[in-house]
Amino acid sequence: MESIDRARRLDSVEAAKALYDDWADRYDDDVFEQAGVIGSSRIAELLADEHDHRSTPLVDLGGGTGAVGRRLAEPGFTDLTGIDLSAGMLAVAEQTGAYHTLIEADLNQALATTRQYSASISAGTFTTGHVPASSANHLLAMLRPQAVIAWVVAPTLWPDFESTLTTTGVEIHSS
């Protein structure tokens, strides 16, 4: 798929914002229906299996069109914040009704948030041309102690993420 290939070659925040704003209305069909990507559903299942507290605040990093949020609403998660770079993607996510709060922000920058989340979930964000391991520290700072982290990380980026997460004391369970 041309759009997926373009997404993997992104080289700036501005290019990412433009691509995803333009792609928002077709994203779910292109990625989930045409390309058969299952990361969003799988990571939501894993989080639901590991996190019993359905009403505590969770954050969906790079929430895009709300694919993860829709899947988390099914088992009863009710306090979900979605953060994404693209206003177009967030507009689609808002239509799902799965999110308590939606925030337009660059995950490569530290976020000014006073909210502490009990879990963090992400699919399709930690990949080439998107959010690198160097952003993990400020993303982890948003979480409560003992928070559950459920992130899909591209294999090419995993060694850097593993090193960063291990250094910060995160207990890693890979699936």
N, C-alpha and C. Protein backbone atom coordinates (compact mmCIF):
# COMPACT_ATOMS: atom_id res chain seq x y z
N MET A 1 0.84 -1.18 0.00
CA MET A 1 0.00 0.00 0.00
C MET A 1 0.88 1.25 0.00
N GLU A 2 0.55 2.15 -0.88
CA GLU A 2 1.34 3.37 -1.04
C GLU A 2 1.38 4.21 0.24
N SER A 3 0.23 4.39 0.90
CA SER A 3 0.19 5.21 2.11
C SER A 3 1.01 4.60 3.25
N ILE A 4 0.95 3.29 3.39
CA ILE A 4 1.74 2.62 4.43
C ILE A 4 3.22 2.79 4.13
N ASP A 5 3.61 2.62 2.90
CA ASP A 5 5.01 2.83 2.52
C ASP A 5 5.44 4.26 2.79
N ARG A 6 4.59 5.24 2.46
CA ARG A 6 4.91 6.64 2.75
C ARG A 6 5.07 6.86 4.24
N ALA A 7 4.21 6.25 5.03
CA ALA A 7 4.27 6.41 6.48
C ALA A 7 5.58 5.88 7.05
N ARG A 8 6.08 4.82 6.50
CA ARG A 8 7.33 4.23 6.99
C ARG A 8 8.56 5.02 6.57
N ARG A 9 8.38 5.94 5.62
CA ARG A 9 9.50 6.76 5.15
C ARG A 9 9.43 8.20 5.66
N LEU A 10 8.56 8.49 6.58
CA LEU A 10 8.42 9.86 7.08
C LEU A 10 9.74 10.36 7.64
N ASP A 11 10.02 11.65 7.39
CA ASP A 11 11.28 12.21 7.87
C ASP A 11 11.10 13.51 8.65
N SER A 12 9.85 13.90 8.91
CA SER A 12 9.62 15.10 9.72
C SER A 12 8.23 15.04 10.35
N VAL A 13 8.06 15.79 11.40
CA VAL A 13 6.77 15.89 12.07
C VAL A 13 5.74 16.51 11.12
N GLU A 14 6.16 17.51 10.37
CA GLU A 14 5.24 18.17 9.44
C GLU A 14 4.75 17.19 8.37
N ALA A 15 5.65 16.37 7.85
CA ALA A 15 5.26 15.38 6.84
C ALA A 15 4.30 14.35 7.45
N ALA A 16 4.54 13.94 8.68
CA ALA A 16 3.66 12.98 9.34
C ALA A 16 2.27 13.57 9.54
N LYS A 17 2.22 14.79 10.03
CA LYS A 17 0.93 15.44 10.25
C LYS A 17 0.15 15.56 8.94
N ALA A 18 0.81 15.98 7.87
CA ALA A 18 0.15 16.12 6.57
C ALA A 18 -0.35 14.78 6.04
N LEU A 19 0.49 13.75 6.11
CA LEU A 19 0.09 12.43 5.63
C LEU A 19 -1.13 11.92 6.38
N TYR A 20 -1.08 11.94 7.72
CA TYR A 20 -2.17 11.38 8.50
C TYR A 20 -3.44 12.22 8.43
N ASP A 21 -3.33 13.54 8.33
CA ASP A 21 -4.52 14.37 8.14
C ASP A 21 -5.21 14.00 6.84
N ASP A 22 -4.43 13.81 5.78
CA ASP A 22 -4.97 13.47 4.46
C ASP A 22 -5.53 12.04 4.43
N TRP A 23 -4.94 11.15 5.18
CA TRP A 23 -5.25 9.72 5.15
C TRP A 23 -6.38 9.32 6.10
N ALA A 24 -6.74 10.18 7.02
CA ALA A 24 -7.63 9.82 8.13
C ALA A 24 -8.91 9.10 7.71
N ASP A 25 -9.58 9.58 6.69
CA ASP A 25 -10.86 8.97 6.30
C ASP A 25 -10.71 7.59 5.67
N ARG A 26 -9.54 7.28 5.16
CA ARG A 26 -9.32 5.98 4.49
C ARG A 26 -8.43 5.05 5.32
N TYR A 27 -7.86 5.53 6.39
CA TYR A 27 -6.85 4.80 7.15
C TYR A 27 -7.32 3.41 7.58
N ASP A 28 -8.45 3.33 8.25
CA ASP A 28 -8.91 2.03 8.77
C ASP A 28 -9.10 1.02 7.65
N ASP A 29 -9.70 1.45 6.56
CA ASP A 29 -9.89 0.52 5.43
C ASP A 29 -8.55 0.09 4.86
N ASP A 30 -7.65 1.05 4.63
CA ASP A 30 -6.33 0.72 4.06
C ASP A 30 -5.53 -0.22 4.95
N VAL A 31 -5.47 0.10 6.23
CA VAL A 31 -4.59 -0.62 7.15
C VAL A 31 -5.20 -1.93 7.64
N PHE A 32 -6.44 -1.89 8.07
CA PHE A 32 -7.03 -3.08 8.68
C PHE A 32 -7.71 -4.00 7.67
N GLU A 33 -8.43 -3.41 6.74
CA GLU A 33 -9.16 -4.23 5.76
C GLU A 33 -8.25 -4.67 4.61
N GLN A 34 -7.58 -3.72 3.98
CA GLN A 34 -6.77 -4.04 2.81
C GLN A 34 -5.44 -4.71 3.17
N ALA A 35 -4.71 -4.13 4.14
CA ALA A 35 -3.39 -4.66 4.50
C ALA A 35 -3.46 -5.77 5.54
N GLY A 36 -4.58 -5.90 6.26
CA GLY A 36 -4.74 -6.97 7.24
C GLY A 36 -3.93 -6.80 8.51
N VAL A 37 -3.60 -5.59 8.88
CA VAL A 37 -2.84 -5.33 10.10
C VAL A 37 -3.70 -5.67 11.32
N ILE A 38 -3.12 -6.40 12.27
CA ILE A 38 -3.88 -6.83 13.45
C ILE A 38 -3.30 -6.33 14.78
N GLY A 39 -2.27 -5.48 14.72
CA GLY A 39 -1.61 -5.02 15.94
C GLY A 39 -2.54 -4.34 16.92
N SER A 40 -3.47 -3.53 16.43
CA SER A 40 -4.39 -2.82 17.32
C SER A 40 -5.27 -3.77 18.11
N SER A 41 -5.83 -4.76 17.43
CA SER A 41 -6.71 -5.69 18.14
C SER A 41 -5.91 -6.57 19.09
N ARG A 42 -4.75 -7.01 18.67
CA ARG A 42 -3.94 -7.90 19.53
C ARG A 42 -3.45 -7.19 20.78
N ILE A 43 -2.97 -5.93 20.64
CA ILE A 43 -2.45 -5.23 21.81
C ILE A 43 -3.58 -4.87 22.77
N ALA A 44 -4.77 -4.57 22.24
CA ALA A 44 -5.92 -4.30 23.11
C ALA A 44 -6.31 -5.55 23.90
N GLU A 45 -6.27 -6.71 23.25
CA GLU A 45 -6.56 -7.97 23.95
C GLU A 45 -5.54 -8.22 25.07
N LEU A 46 -4.27 -7.98 24.76
CA LEU A 46 -3.23 -8.20 25.77
C LEU A 46 -3.42 -7.27 26.96
N LEU A 47 -3.72 -6.00 26.71
CA LEU A 47 -3.93 -5.07 27.82
C LEU A 47 -5.14 -5.49 28.64
N ALA A 48 -6.23 -5.84 27.98
CA ALA A 48 -7.43 -6.27 28.70
C ALA A 48 -7.16 -7.49 29.57
N ASP A 49 -6.31 -8.39 29.10
CA ASP A 49 -5.96 -9.58 29.89
C ASP A 49 -5.11 -9.23 31.12
N GLU A 50 -4.31 -8.18 31.02
CA GLU A 50 -3.36 -7.83 32.09
C GLU A 50 -3.84 -6.74 33.02
N HIS A 51 -4.87 -6.00 32.64
CA HIS A 51 -5.30 -4.82 33.41
C HIS A 51 -6.78 -4.94 33.73
N ASP A 52 -7.07 -5.30 34.98
CA ASP A 52 -8.45 -5.55 35.40
C ASP A 52 -9.24 -4.29 35.75
N HIS A 53 -8.56 -3.18 35.93
CA HIS A 53 -9.20 -1.96 36.42
C HIS A 53 -9.78 -1.15 35.26
N ARG A 54 -11.02 -1.45 34.91
CA ARG A 54 -11.64 -0.90 33.71
C ARG A 54 -11.97 0.59 33.79
N SER A 55 -12.05 1.15 35.00
CA SER A 55 -12.43 2.56 35.12
C SER A 55 -11.26 3.48 35.44
N THR A 56 -10.04 2.96 35.53
CA THR A 56 -8.89 3.82 35.80
C THR A 56 -8.42 4.45 34.49
N PRO A 57 -7.75 5.60 34.57
CA PRO A 57 -7.34 6.31 33.34
C PRO A 57 -6.23 5.60 32.57
N LEU A 58 -6.47 5.46 31.27
CA LEU A 58 -5.50 4.86 30.35
C LEU A 58 -5.18 5.87 29.26
N VAL A 59 -3.98 5.75 28.67
CA VAL A 59 -3.61 6.63 27.57
C VAL A 59 -3.24 5.80 26.34
N ASP A 60 -3.81 6.19 25.21
CA ASP A 60 -3.55 5.56 23.91
C ASP A 60 -2.61 6.49 23.15
N LEU A 61 -1.34 6.10 23.06
CA LEU A 61 -0.31 6.92 22.42
C LEU A 61 -0.35 6.71 20.91
N GLY A 62 -0.50 7.80 20.16
CA GLY A 62 -0.65 7.69 18.72
C GLY A 62 -1.97 7.04 18.38
N GLY A 63 -3.02 7.44 19.06
CA GLY A 63 -4.32 6.79 18.96
C GLY A 63 -4.99 6.83 17.60
N GLY A 64 -4.53 7.69 16.73
CA GLY A 64 -5.04 7.72 15.36
C GLY A 64 -6.54 7.78 15.26
N THR A 65 -7.12 6.89 14.50
CA THR A 65 -8.56 6.86 14.24
C THR A 65 -9.36 6.23 15.37
N GLY A 66 -8.70 5.79 16.42
CA GLY A 66 -9.41 5.20 17.55
C GLY A 66 -9.60 3.70 17.48
N ALA A 67 -8.81 3.04 16.64
CA ALA A 67 -8.95 1.58 16.50
C ALA A 67 -8.74 0.87 17.83
N VAL A 68 -7.72 1.28 18.58
CA VAL A 68 -7.46 0.66 19.88
C VAL A 68 -8.57 1.02 20.87
N GLY A 69 -8.99 2.27 20.85
CA GLY A 69 -10.05 2.71 21.75
C GLY A 69 -11.34 1.93 21.56
N ARG A 70 -11.70 1.70 20.30
CA ARG A 70 -12.91 0.90 20.03
C ARG A 70 -12.78 -0.49 20.62
N ARG A 71 -11.60 -1.06 20.47
CA ARG A 71 -11.40 -2.42 20.98
C ARG A 71 -11.34 -2.47 22.50
N LEU A 72 -10.87 -1.39 23.14
CA LEU A 72 -10.84 -1.35 24.61
C LEU A 72 -12.23 -1.06 25.20
N ALA A 73 -13.07 -0.39 24.45
CA ALA A 73 -14.43 -0.12 24.94
C ALA A 73 -15.23 -1.41 25.06
N GLU A 74 -14.96 -2.38 24.20
CA GLU A 74 -15.71 -3.64 24.22
C GLU A 74 -15.63 -4.36 25.56
N PRO A 75 -14.43 -4.51 26.19
CA PRO A 75 -14.39 -5.15 27.50
C PRO A 75 -14.67 -4.19 28.66
N GLY A 76 -15.06 -2.94 28.36
CA GLY A 76 -15.52 -2.05 29.41
C GLY A 76 -14.57 -0.98 29.90
N PHE A 77 -13.48 -0.69 29.20
CA PHE A 77 -12.61 0.42 29.61
C PHE A 77 -13.36 1.73 29.34
N THR A 78 -13.40 2.61 30.35
CA THR A 78 -14.25 3.80 30.26
C THR A 78 -13.51 5.13 30.33
N ASP A 79 -12.26 5.16 30.73
CA ASP A 79 -11.54 6.43 30.91
C ASP A 79 -10.28 6.43 30.05
N LEU A 80 -10.47 6.59 28.76
CA LEU A 80 -9.37 6.50 27.81
C LEU A 80 -9.07 7.86 27.20
N THR A 81 -7.80 8.26 27.26
CA THR A 81 -7.32 9.46 26.61
C THR A 81 -6.55 9.04 25.37
N GLY A 82 -6.84 9.66 24.25
CA GLY A 82 -6.12 9.40 23.01
C GLY A 82 -5.25 10.60 22.67
N ILE A 83 -4.00 10.34 22.33
CA ILE A 83 -3.08 11.41 21.92
C ILE A 83 -2.58 11.08 20.53
N ASP A 84 -2.65 12.07 19.64
CA ASP A 84 -2.17 11.88 18.28
C ASP A 84 -1.72 13.21 17.71
N LEU A 85 -0.81 13.14 16.76
CA LEU A 85 -0.27 14.31 16.07
C LEU A 85 -1.28 14.92 15.11
N SER A 86 -2.16 14.11 14.57
CA SER A 86 -3.04 14.51 13.48
C SER A 86 -4.44 14.88 13.95
N ALA A 87 -4.84 16.11 13.67
CA ALA A 87 -6.21 16.54 13.98
C ALA A 87 -7.23 15.74 13.16
N GLY A 88 -6.86 15.40 11.93
CA GLY A 88 -7.75 14.60 11.09
C GLY A 88 -8.02 13.23 11.68
N MET A 89 -6.98 12.59 12.17
CA MET A 89 -7.14 11.27 12.79
C MET A 89 -7.98 11.39 14.07
N LEU A 90 -7.71 12.41 14.87
CA LEU A 90 -8.47 12.60 16.10
C LEU A 90 -9.95 12.86 15.83
N ALA A 91 -10.26 13.53 14.74
CA ALA A 91 -11.66 13.76 14.38
C ALA A 91 -12.37 12.44 14.11
N VAL A 92 -11.68 11.51 13.47
CA VAL A 92 -12.25 10.17 13.24
C VAL A 92 -12.38 9.44 14.58
N ALA A 93 -11.36 9.53 15.43
CA ALA A 93 -11.40 8.86 16.74
C ALA A 93 -12.54 9.38 17.60
N GLU A 94 -12.80 10.67 17.51
CA GLU A 94 -13.88 11.26 18.31
C GLU A 94 -15.23 10.62 17.97
N GLN A 95 -15.41 10.27 16.72
CA GLN A 95 -16.67 9.66 16.28
C GLN A 95 -16.90 8.27 16.88
N THR A 96 -15.85 7.63 17.38
CA THR A 96 -16.00 6.30 17.96
C THR A 96 -16.72 6.34 19.30
N GLY A 97 -16.62 7.46 20.02
CA GLY A 97 -17.19 7.56 21.34
C GLY A 97 -16.42 6.80 22.40
N ALA A 98 -15.26 6.26 22.06
CA ALA A 98 -14.48 5.43 22.98
C ALA A 98 -13.59 6.25 23.93
N TYR A 99 -13.37 7.52 23.61
CA TYR A 99 -12.40 8.32 24.37
C TYR A 99 -13.07 9.35 25.26
N HIS A 100 -12.55 9.44 26.48
CA HIS A 100 -12.97 10.46 27.43
C HIS A 100 -12.36 11.80 27.02
N THR A 101 -11.09 11.75 26.55
CA THR A 101 -10.33 12.95 26.17
C THR A 101 -9.48 12.64 24.95
N LEU A 102 -9.39 13.60 24.04
CA LEU A 102 -8.51 13.50 22.87
C LEU A 102 -7.58 14.72 22.87
N ILE A 103 -6.29 14.46 22.65
CA ILE A 103 -5.28 15.52 22.70
C ILE A 103 -4.44 15.49 21.43
N GLU A 104 -4.31 16.62 20.78
CA GLU A 104 -3.42 16.74 19.62
C GLU A 104 -2.04 17.13 20.13
N ALA A 105 -1.06 16.26 19.93
CA ALA A 105 0.28 16.53 20.45
C ALA A 105 1.31 15.67 19.72
N ASP A 106 2.54 16.13 19.75
CA ASP A 106 3.68 15.42 19.18
C ASP A 106 4.30 14.56 20.29
N LEU A 107 4.24 13.25 20.15
CA LEU A 107 4.77 12.34 21.17
C LEU A 107 6.28 12.36 21.26
N ASN A 108 6.94 13.03 20.33
CA ASN A 108 8.39 13.17 20.39
C ASN A 108 8.80 14.27 21.37
N GLN A 109 7.83 15.04 21.83
CA GLN A 109 8.07 16.13 22.77
C GLN A 109 7.46 15.76 24.12
N ALA A 110 8.07 16.25 25.20
CA ALA A 110 7.50 16.02 26.53
C ALA A 110 6.12 16.66 26.57
N LEU A 111 5.18 15.98 27.17
CA LEU A 111 3.81 16.45 27.24
C LEU A 111 3.53 17.08 28.60
N ALA A 112 2.89 18.21 28.57
CA ALA A 112 2.52 18.89 29.81
C ALA A 112 1.20 18.30 30.28
N THR A 113 1.28 17.28 31.08
CA THR A 113 0.07 16.65 31.58
C THR A 113 0.19 16.41 33.07
N THR A 114 -0.86 16.69 33.79
CA THR A 114 -0.87 16.44 35.23
C THR A 114 -1.59 15.14 35.53
N ARG A 115 -2.14 14.52 34.51
CA ARG A 115 -2.89 13.28 34.70
C ARG A 115 -1.92 12.11 34.78
N GLN A 116 -2.17 11.24 35.69
CA GLN A 116 -1.37 10.04 35.84
C GLN A 116 -2.18 8.85 35.37
N TYR A 117 -1.65 8.09 34.44
CA TYR A 117 -2.37 6.97 33.84
C TYR A 117 -1.95 5.64 34.47
N SER A 118 -2.91 4.73 34.56
CA SER A 118 -2.64 3.41 35.12
C SER A 118 -2.17 2.43 34.05
N ALA A 119 -2.30 2.84 32.78
CA ALA A 119 -1.84 2.00 31.68
C ALA A 119 -1.61 2.87 30.45
N SER A 120 -0.70 2.38 29.62
CA SER A 120 -0.38 3.03 28.34
C SER A 120 -0.43 1.97 27.26
N ILE A 121 -1.07 2.32 26.15
CA ILE A 121 -1.19 1.39 25.04
C ILE A 121 -0.83 2.12 23.76
N SER A 122 -0.25 1.39 22.82
CA SER A 122 0.11 2.00 21.54
C SER A 122 0.29 0.93 20.48
N ALA A 123 -0.22 1.22 19.29
CA ALA A 123 -0.04 0.33 18.13
C ALA A 123 0.22 1.19 16.90
N GLY A 124 1.28 0.91 16.19
CA GLY A 124 1.58 1.63 14.97
C GLY A 124 2.30 2.94 15.15
N THR A 125 2.73 3.23 16.35
CA THR A 125 3.38 4.51 16.67
C THR A 125 4.88 4.36 16.80
N PHE A 126 5.32 3.27 17.37
CA PHE A 126 6.75 3.04 17.58
C PHE A 126 7.30 2.25 16.39
N THR A 127 7.47 2.98 15.29
CA THR A 127 7.91 2.38 14.05
C THR A 127 8.77 3.39 13.28
N THR A 128 9.36 2.96 12.20
CA THR A 128 10.22 3.81 11.39
C THR A 128 9.52 5.10 11.00
N GLY A 129 10.19 6.23 11.21
CA GLY A 129 9.66 7.53 10.82
C GLY A 129 8.64 8.10 11.77
N HIS A 130 8.46 7.50 12.94
CA HIS A 130 7.44 7.95 13.87
C HIS A 130 8.06 8.34 15.22
N VAL A 131 7.81 7.55 16.27
CA VAL A 131 8.28 7.88 17.61
C VAL A 131 9.39 6.91 18.01
N PRO A 132 10.61 7.42 18.22
CA PRO A 132 11.74 6.56 18.56
C PRO A 132 11.85 6.28 20.06
N ALA A 133 12.73 5.38 20.39
CA ALA A 133 12.96 5.00 21.79
C ALA A 133 13.38 6.19 22.66
N SER A 134 14.01 7.18 22.07
CA SER A 134 14.44 8.35 22.85
C SER A 134 13.26 9.11 23.46
N SER A 135 12.05 8.86 23.00
CA SER A 135 10.86 9.51 23.57
C SER A 135 10.26 8.71 24.73
N ALA A 136 10.73 7.51 24.93
CA ALA A 136 10.12 6.63 25.94
C ALA A 136 10.15 7.22 27.34
N ASN A 137 11.24 7.86 27.73
CA ASN A 137 11.32 8.39 29.10
C ASN A 137 10.21 9.37 29.42
N HIS A 138 9.95 10.33 28.53
CA HIS A 138 8.88 11.29 28.86
C HIS A 138 7.50 10.67 28.72
N LEU A 139 7.35 9.63 27.89
CA LEU A 139 6.07 8.93 27.81
C LEU A 139 5.82 8.10 29.07
N LEU A 140 6.87 7.52 29.60
CA LEU A 140 6.75 6.76 30.85
C LEU A 140 6.44 7.67 32.03
N ALA A 141 6.89 8.93 31.97
CA ALA A 141 6.65 9.88 33.06
C ALA A 141 5.16 10.20 33.23
N MET A 142 4.35 9.88 32.27
CA MET A 142 2.91 10.11 32.35
C MET A 142 2.20 9.04 33.19
N LEU A 143 2.92 7.99 33.53
CA LEU A 143 2.29 6.82 34.13
C LEU A 143 2.48 6.76 35.64
N ARG A 144 1.51 6.14 36.29
CA ARG A 144 1.60 5.86 37.72
C ARG A 144 2.63 4.75 37.95
N PRO A 145 3.17 4.66 39.16
CA PRO A 145 4.02 3.50 39.47
C PRO A 145 3.22 2.21 39.27
N GLN A 146 3.87 1.19 38.79
CA GLN A 146 3.26 -0.12 38.53
C GLN A 146 2.24 -0.11 37.39
N ALA A 147 2.28 0.91 36.55
CA ALA A 147 1.36 0.97 35.41
C ALA A 147 1.67 -0.15 34.43
N VAL A 148 0.66 -0.55 33.69
CA VAL A 148 0.81 -1.56 32.65
C VAL A 148 1.11 -0.85 31.33
N ILE A 149 2.10 -1.35 30.61
CA ILE A 149 2.47 -0.78 29.32
C ILE A 149 2.25 -1.85 28.26
N ALA A 150 1.46 -1.53 27.25
CA ALA A 150 1.19 -2.46 26.16
C ALA A 150 1.47 -1.71 24.85
N TRP A 151 2.67 -1.89 24.33
CA TRP A 151 3.10 -1.16 23.14
C TRP A 151 3.51 -2.14 22.06
N VAL A 152 3.05 -1.91 20.84
CA VAL A 152 3.57 -2.62 19.68
C VAL A 152 4.78 -1.82 19.21
N VAL A 153 5.94 -2.47 19.16
CA VAL A 153 7.18 -1.81 18.74
C VAL A 153 7.73 -2.56 17.53
N ALA A 154 8.05 -1.80 16.48
CA ALA A 154 8.60 -2.42 15.26
C ALA A 154 9.89 -3.17 15.60
N PRO A 155 10.08 -4.35 15.03
CA PRO A 155 11.28 -5.15 15.33
C PRO A 155 12.59 -4.40 15.13
N THR A 156 12.66 -3.54 14.14
CA THR A 156 13.91 -2.80 13.90
C THR A 156 14.19 -1.80 15.01
N LEU A 157 13.17 -1.35 15.72
CA LEU A 157 13.36 -0.38 16.81
C LEU A 157 13.45 -1.05 18.18
N TRP A 158 13.06 -2.32 18.26
CA TRP A 158 12.98 -2.99 19.55
C TRP A 158 14.28 -2.96 20.36
N PRO A 159 15.44 -3.21 19.80
CA PRO A 159 16.65 -3.19 20.63
C PRO A 159 16.83 -1.88 21.40
N ASP A 160 16.58 -0.74 20.76
CA ASP A 160 16.69 0.54 21.44
C ASP A 160 15.60 0.71 22.50
N PHE A 161 14.38 0.29 22.19
CA PHE A 161 13.31 0.36 23.17
C PHE A 161 13.61 -0.55 24.36
N GLU A 162 14.04 -1.75 24.09
CA GLU A 162 14.34 -2.69 25.17
C GLU A 162 15.40 -2.12 26.10
N SER A 163 16.45 -1.56 25.54
CA SER A 163 17.51 -0.95 26.34
C SER A 163 16.97 0.20 27.19
N THR A 164 16.19 1.08 26.57
CA THR A 164 15.64 2.23 27.29
C THR A 164 14.69 1.78 28.39
N LEU A 165 13.81 0.87 28.09
CA LEU A 165 12.84 0.41 29.08
C LEU A 165 13.51 -0.32 30.23
N THR A 166 14.49 -1.16 29.91
CA THR A 166 15.22 -1.89 30.95
C THR A 166 15.95 -0.91 31.87
N THR A 167 16.57 0.08 31.29
CA THR A 167 17.31 1.09 32.06
C THR A 167 16.38 1.83 33.03
N THR A 168 15.15 2.06 32.64
CA THR A 168 14.21 2.77 33.50
C THR A 168 13.51 1.85 34.50
N GLY A 169 13.79 0.56 34.46
CA GLY A 169 13.24 -0.37 35.43
C GLY A 169 11.94 -1.02 35.01
N VAL A 170 11.55 -0.87 33.76
CA VAL A 170 10.33 -1.50 33.28
C VAL A 170 10.55 -3.01 33.16
N GLU A 171 9.62 -3.78 33.71
CA GLU A 171 9.65 -5.23 33.58
C GLU A 171 9.04 -5.61 32.24
N ILE A 172 9.78 -6.29 31.41
CA ILE A 172 9.36 -6.57 30.04
C ILE A 172 8.85 -8.00 29.90
N HIS A 173 7.65 -8.11 29.31
CA HIS A 173 7.08 -9.40 28.93
C HIS A 173 6.72 -9.27 27.46
N SER A 174 7.39 -10.00 26.61
CA SER A 174 7.13 -9.91 25.17
C SER A 174 6.13 -10.95 24.72
N SER A 175 5.29 -10.56 23.77
CA SER A 175 4.32 -11.50 23.18
C SER A 175 4.40 -11.42 21.69
